[in-house]
Amino acid sequence: MTDRKPLGVNFESWIDRQIREAEERGEFDDLPGKGKPLPDLDKPYDEMWWIKQKLRSEGLSMPLPPTLQLRRDAEEALEEAARAGSEREVRRIVEDVNTRIREAIRTGLPGPPLNLVPYDVEKVVARWRASR
C-alpha cells in the first residue's frame, strides 16, 4: 500500500484496485468481527460514537461534571459506610465526604446545582448500628 498513484489513473479506480488486490491476498480475512453485523448500526447517529466506543473498550466512563461526580461520590460513601466494619470507620467515611461537600459549597463547583448538604454523622452511625 506504499505505492503512489500512477499518473493518469483515476484516484477512485486506484483505491478500488488496491482494496481488491488486498482482498485477493487475504489481508482482510482475520479482522475482528468479520461476518458479524456492525454494532450499534440501528441506533441513531451520535457524533461522539467513537469516543464512547473507545471508553467502553478501555473500561472507562465519561467524566461527569464536578457537581454530579460529588453527588455520586456522596452516595457511594453512604453505601461504603453501611458496609463498614466499625463505627470509627463509618465516622471517618462520612466525615471525609462531608469535608468535600462543605468545600464544594464554600467554593462552588462547575455543573448543575449541587443540592447536597453535609450528612448528619450521628444519623448515619445510628442507621449503621441498627443494621447490625
C-alpha atoms as a PDB file:
ATOM      1  CA  MET A   1       0.000   0.000   0.000  1.00  0.00           C
ATOM      2  CA  THR A   2       3.043   2.272  -0.143  1.00  0.00           C
ATOM      3  CA  ASP A   3       2.705   2.604  -3.910  1.00  0.00           C
ATOM      4  CA  ARG A   4       1.994   6.029  -5.285  1.00  0.00           C
ATOM      5  CA  LYS A   5      -0.997   6.588  -7.511  1.00  0.00           C
ATOM      6  CA  PRO A   6       0.168   6.319 -11.121  1.00  0.00           C
ATOM      7  CA  LEU A   7      -0.293   9.363 -13.318  1.00  0.00           C
ATOM      8  CA  GLY A   8      -3.366   9.268 -15.489  1.00  0.00           C
ATOM      9  CA  VAL A   9      -5.198   6.743 -13.274  1.00  0.00           C
ATOM     10  CA  ASN A  10      -8.416   7.843 -11.655  1.00  0.00           C
ATOM     11  CA  PHE A  11      -7.870   8.068  -7.880  1.00  0.00           C
ATOM     12  CA  GLU A  12     -11.013   6.079  -7.075  1.00  0.00           C
ATOM     13  CA  SER A  13     -10.046   3.344  -9.522  1.00  0.00           C
ATOM     14  CA  TRP A  14      -6.587   3.128  -7.992  1.00  0.00           C
ATOM     15  CA  ILE A  15      -8.047   2.773  -4.476  1.00  0.00           C
ATOM     16  CA  ASP A  16     -10.581   0.171  -5.625  1.00  0.00           C
ATOM     17  CA  ARG A  17      -7.757  -1.824  -7.217  1.00  0.00           C
ATOM     18  CA  GLN A  18      -5.670  -1.632  -4.023  1.00  0.00           C
ATOM     19  CA  ILE A  19      -8.600  -2.930  -1.975  1.00  0.00           C
ATOM     20  CA  ARG A  20      -9.436  -5.696  -4.460  1.00  0.00           C
ATOM     21  CA  GLU A  21      -5.808  -6.898  -4.548  1.00  0.00           C
ATOM     22  CA  ALA A  22      -5.609  -6.859  -0.723  1.00  0.00           C
ATOM     23  CA  GLU A  23      -8.823  -8.907  -0.558  1.00  0.00           C
ATOM     24  CA  GLU A  24      -7.394 -11.402  -3.047  1.00  0.00           C
ATOM     25  CA  ARG A  25      -4.250 -11.738  -0.916  1.00  0.00           C
ATOM     26  CA  GLY A  26      -6.495 -12.441   2.106  1.00  0.00           C
ATOM     27  CA  GLU A  27      -5.354  -9.418   4.097  1.00  0.00           C
ATOM     28  CA  PHE A  28      -8.876  -8.816   5.437  1.00  0.00           C
ATOM     29  CA  ASP A  29      -9.622 -12.442   6.364  1.00  0.00           C
ATOM     30  CA  ASP A  30      -8.660 -12.301  10.056  1.00  0.00           C
ATOM     31  CA  LEU A  31     -10.178  -8.972  11.028  1.00  0.00           C
ATOM     32  CA  PRO A  32     -12.167  -8.956  14.286  1.00  0.00           C
ATOM     33  CA  GLY A  33     -15.908  -9.004  13.712  1.00  0.00           C
ATOM     34  CA  LYS A  34     -15.657 -10.493  10.229  1.00  0.00           C
ATOM     35  CA  GLY A  35     -19.052 -11.765   9.129  1.00  0.00           C
ATOM     36  CA  LYS A  36     -20.849 -10.084  12.027  1.00  0.00           C
ATOM     37  CA  PRO A  37     -23.204  -7.098  11.765  1.00  0.00           C
ATOM     38  CA  LEU A  38     -21.818  -3.700  12.637  1.00  0.00           C
ATOM     39  CA  PRO A  39     -22.509  -2.913  16.305  1.00  0.00           C
ATOM     40  CA  ASP A  40     -24.995  -0.131  17.061  1.00  0.00           C
ATOM     41  CA  LEU A  41     -25.959   0.107  13.389  1.00  0.00           C
ATOM     42  CA  ASP A  42     -29.646   0.514  14.257  1.00  0.00           C
ATOM     43  CA  LYS A  43     -29.055   3.278  16.830  1.00  0.00           C
ATOM     44  CA  PRO A  44     -29.456   6.974  15.984  1.00  0.00           C
ATOM     45  CA  TYR A  45     -26.302   8.734  14.825  1.00  0.00           C
ATOM     46  CA  ASP A  46     -24.163  10.146  17.606  1.00  0.00           C
ATOM     47  CA  GLU A  47     -21.175  12.240  16.586  1.00  0.00           C
ATOM     48  CA  MET A  48     -19.375  11.117  19.762  1.00  0.00           C
ATOM     49  CA  TRP A  49     -19.837   7.406  18.948  1.00  0.00           C
ATOM     50  CA  TRP A  50     -16.147   6.714  18.505  1.00  0.00           C
ATOM     51  CA  ILE A  51     -15.229   8.354  21.832  1.00  0.00           C
ATOM     52  CA  LYS A  52     -17.902   6.363  23.647  1.00  0.00           C
ATOM     53  CA  GLN A  53     -16.769   3.156  21.926  1.00  0.00           C
ATOM     54  CA  LYS A  54     -13.139   3.806  22.942  1.00  0.00           C
ATOM     55  CA  LEU A  55     -14.146   4.496  26.539  1.00  0.00           C
ATOM     56  CA  ARG A  56     -16.173   1.240  26.635  1.00  0.00           C
ATOM     57  CA  SER A  57     -13.330  -0.793  25.141  1.00  0.00           C
ATOM     58  CA  GLU A  58     -10.881   0.664  27.676  1.00  0.00           C
ATOM     59  CA  GLY A  59     -13.282   0.097  30.579  1.00  0.00           C
ATOM     60  CA  LEU A  60     -13.534   3.823  31.290  1.00  0.00           C
ATOM     61  CA  SER A  61     -16.543   6.064  31.777  1.00  0.00           C
ATOM     62  CA  MET A  62     -17.429   9.525  30.588  1.00  0.00           C
ATOM     63  CA  PRO A  63     -16.329  12.153  33.090  1.00  0.00           C
ATOM     64  CA  LEU A  64     -19.180  13.795  34.962  1.00  0.00           C
ATOM     65  CA  PRO A  65     -19.411  17.489  35.770  1.00  0.00           C
ATOM     66  CA  PRO A  66     -17.834  18.048  39.208  1.00  0.00           C
ATOM     67  CA  THR A  67     -21.163  18.589  40.991  1.00  0.00           C
ATOM     68  CA  LEU A  68     -22.617  15.349  39.633  1.00  0.00           C
ATOM     69  CA  GLN A  69     -19.415  13.473  40.443  1.00  0.00           C
ATOM     70  CA  LEU A  70     -19.583  14.710  44.037  1.00  0.00           C
ATOM     71  CA  ARG A  71     -23.231  13.584  44.282  1.00  0.00           C
ATOM     72  CA  ARG A  72     -22.224  10.141  43.034  1.00  0.00           C
ATOM     73  CA  ASP A  73     -19.264  10.012  45.426  1.00  0.00           C
ATOM     74  CA  ALA A  74     -21.530  11.010  48.323  1.00  0.00           C
ATOM     75  CA  GLU A  75     -23.989   8.203  47.502  1.00  0.00           C
ATOM     76  CA  GLU A  76     -21.131   5.725  47.243  1.00  0.00           C
ATOM     77  CA  ALA A  77     -19.759   6.960  50.582  1.00  0.00           C
ATOM     78  CA  LEU A  78     -23.092   6.187  52.275  1.00  0.00           C
ATOM     79  CA  GLU A  79     -23.065   2.700  50.747  1.00  0.00           C
ATOM     80  CA  GLU A  80     -19.478   2.210  51.895  1.00  0.00           C
ATOM     81  CA  ALA A  81     -20.382   3.413  55.393  1.00  0.00           C
ATOM     82  CA  ALA A  82     -23.244   0.893  55.538  1.00  0.00           C
ATOM     83  CA  ARG A  83     -20.718  -1.890  54.818  1.00  0.00           C
ATOM     84  CA  ALA A  84     -18.073  -0.566  57.230  1.00  0.00           C
ATOM     85  CA  GLY A  85     -16.697  -2.891  59.867  1.00  0.00           C
ATOM     86  CA  SER A  86     -16.633  -0.423  62.747  1.00  0.00           C
ATOM     87  CA  GLU A  87     -18.309   2.722  63.968  1.00  0.00           C
ATOM     88  CA  ARG A  88     -14.977   4.503  63.741  1.00  0.00           C
ATOM     89  CA  GLU A  89     -14.741   3.638  60.045  1.00  0.00           C
ATOM     90  CA  VAL A  90     -18.324   4.850  59.450  1.00  0.00           C
ATOM     91  CA  ARG A  91     -17.485   8.182  61.054  1.00  0.00           C
ATOM     92  CA  ARG A  92     -14.286   8.543  59.001  1.00  0.00           C
ATOM     93  CA  ILE A  93     -16.083   7.825  55.705  1.00  0.00           C
ATOM     94  CA  VAL A  94     -18.903  10.275  56.440  1.00  0.00           C
ATOM     95  CA  GLU A  95     -16.547  12.996  57.687  1.00  0.00           C
ATOM     96  CA  ASP A  96     -14.386  12.623  54.568  1.00  0.00           C
ATOM     97  CA  VAL A  97     -17.328  13.119  52.224  1.00  0.00           C
ATOM     98  CA  ASN A  98     -18.729  15.903  54.422  1.00  0.00           C
ATOM     99  CA  THR A  99     -15.414  17.747  54.107  1.00  0.00           C
ATOM    100  CA  ARG A 100     -15.668  17.555  50.318  1.00  0.00           C
ATOM    101  CA  ILE A 101     -19.314  18.712  50.383  1.00  0.00           C
ATOM    102  CA  ARG A 102     -18.505  21.680  52.635  1.00  0.00           C
ATOM    103  CA  GLU A 103     -15.596  22.675  50.400  1.00  0.00           C
ATOM    104  CA  ALA A 104     -17.812  22.479  47.301  1.00  0.00           C
ATOM    105  CA  ILE A 105     -20.490  24.612  48.959  1.00  0.00           C
ATOM    106  CA  ARG A 106     -17.882  27.142  50.079  1.00  0.00           C
ATOM    107  CA  THR A 107     -16.029  27.456  46.765  1.00  0.00           C
ATOM    108  CA  GLY A 108     -18.647  26.354  44.248  1.00  0.00           C
ATOM    109  CA  LEU A 109     -18.206  23.720  41.565  1.00  0.00           C
ATOM    110  CA  PRO A 110     -18.986  23.850  37.863  1.00  0.00           C
ATOM    111  CA  GLY A 111     -22.011  21.927  36.663  1.00  0.00           C
ATOM    112  CA  PRO A 112     -25.644  21.658  37.683  1.00  0.00           C
ATOM    113  CA  PRO A 113     -26.636  22.790  41.187  1.00  0.00           C
ATOM    114  CA  LEU A 114     -25.035  20.649  43.889  1.00  0.00           C
ATOM    115  CA  ASN A 115     -28.172  20.203  46.035  1.00  0.00           C
ATOM    116  CA  LEU A 116     -26.149  18.485  48.761  1.00  0.00           C
ATOM    117  CA  VAL A 117     -25.655  19.289  52.415  1.00  0.00           C
ATOM    118  CA  PRO A 118     -23.260  17.511  54.758  1.00  0.00           C
ATOM    119  CA  TYR A 119     -24.620  14.290  56.212  1.00  0.00           C
ATOM    120  CA  ASP A 120     -25.582  14.064  59.876  1.00  0.00           C
ATOM    121  CA  VAL A 121     -22.855  11.740  61.143  1.00  0.00           C
ATOM    122  CA  GLU A 122     -24.881  10.623  64.160  1.00  0.00           C
ATOM    123  CA  LYS A 123     -27.861   9.609  61.986  1.00  0.00           C
ATOM    124  CA  VAL A 124     -25.608   7.626  59.646  1.00  0.00           C
ATOM    125  CA  VAL A 125     -23.978   5.918  62.625  1.00  0.00           C
ATOM    126  CA  ALA A 126     -27.415   5.152  64.125  1.00  0.00           C
ATOM    127  CA  ARG A 127     -28.534   3.533  60.831  1.00  0.00           C
ATOM    128  CA  TRP A 128     -25.291   1.554  60.755  1.00  0.00           C
ATOM    129  CA  ARG A 129     -25.857   0.321  64.331  1.00  0.00           C
ATOM    130  CA  ALA A 130     -29.475  -0.617  63.562  1.00  0.00           C
ATOM    131  CA  SER A 131     -28.374  -2.722  60.600  1.00  0.00           C
ATOM    132  CA  ARG A 132     -26.006  -4.762  62.793  1.00  0.00           C
END
